[in-house]
Amino acid sequence: MGFGSYDESEQQEQTTDDEDVEAVNVHEHEHHGEMSFESDVSTDELVSQLGSMKDEDDESNE
């Protein structure tokens, strides 16, 4: 066997105790609520800024 040694002990079935594994609670940090903010900038100005940002991104991807 020219590609290194072969150890049959590594091929035995490996088991783990499920009781030792902590479950992950995916809902542990969920938050339900509202968010609000105040801005001195009008919606039209924000849309214009967004359009400018998209144009700049399009130009840099070319």
Protein backbone atom coordinates (compact mmCIF):
# COMPACT_ATOMS: atom_id res chain seq x y z
CA MET A 1 0.00 0.00 0.00
CA GLY A 2 1.86 3.02 -1.22
CA PHE A 3 -0.43 5.78 0.11
CA GLY A 4 0.19 5.57 3.84
CA SER A 5 -1.11 3.30 6.55
CA TYR A 6 -4.65 2.07 6.98
CA ASP A 7 -6.09 1.80 10.47
CA GLU A 8 -9.27 -0.25 10.72
CA SER A 9 -10.02 1.19 14.17
CA GLU A 10 -10.82 4.54 12.52
CA GLN A 11 -13.52 2.87 10.44
CA GLN A 12 -15.53 1.61 13.42
CA GLU A 13 -18.91 3.19 14.03
CA GLN A 14 -18.53 6.32 16.09
CA THR A 15 -21.41 7.24 18.40
CA THR A 16 -22.16 10.27 20.50
CA ASP A 17 -24.46 10.60 23.47
CA ASP A 18 -27.34 12.82 22.46
CA GLU A 19 -27.89 13.72 26.09
CA ASP A 20 -24.52 15.51 26.20
CA VAL A 21 -25.42 17.82 23.30
CA GLU A 22 -27.18 21.10 24.11
CA ALA A 23 -29.99 22.04 21.75
CA VAL A 24 -29.97 25.45 20.12
CA ASN A 25 -33.11 27.52 20.56
CA VAL A 26 -33.46 29.45 17.31
CA HIS A 27 -36.18 31.61 18.83
CA GLU A 28 -34.15 32.66 21.87
CA HIS A 29 -33.33 36.13 20.54
CA GLU A 30 -36.46 36.89 18.50
CA HIS A 31 -37.90 40.33 19.09
CA HIS A 32 -41.35 41.51 18.20
CA GLY A 33 -42.07 45.18 18.24
CA GLU A 34 -41.93 48.39 16.35
CA MET A 35 -39.14 50.63 15.25
CA SER A 36 -39.50 54.27 14.37
CA PHE A 37 -37.22 57.16 13.62
CA GLU A 38 -37.49 60.80 12.78
CA SER A 39 -35.67 62.43 9.92
CA ASP A 40 -35.38 65.95 8.60
CA VAL A 41 -34.91 64.59 5.06
CA SER A 42 -37.95 64.23 2.81
CA THR A 43 -38.93 60.96 1.17
CA ASP A 44 -38.13 62.41 -2.26
CA GLU A 45 -34.60 63.29 -1.13
CA LEU A 46 -34.06 59.80 0.26
CA VAL A 47 -35.29 58.20 -2.97
CA SER A 48 -32.97 60.46 -4.93
CA GLN A 49 -30.01 59.46 -2.74
CA LEU A 50 -30.90 55.79 -3.20
CA GLY A 51 -30.98 56.26 -6.97
CA SER A 52 -27.55 57.90 -6.87
CA MET A 53 -26.16 55.03 -4.81
CA LYS A 54 -27.57 52.47 -7.24
CA ASP A 55 -26.10 54.38 -10.20
CA GLU A 56 -22.69 54.45 -8.53
CA ASP A 57 -22.91 50.71 -7.81
CA ASP A 58 -23.88 49.96 -11.41
CA GLU A 59 -20.94 52.01 -12.70
CA SER A 60 -18.47 50.23 -10.42
CA ASN A 61 -19.68 46.79 -11.56
CA GLU A 62 -19.03 47.53 -15.23
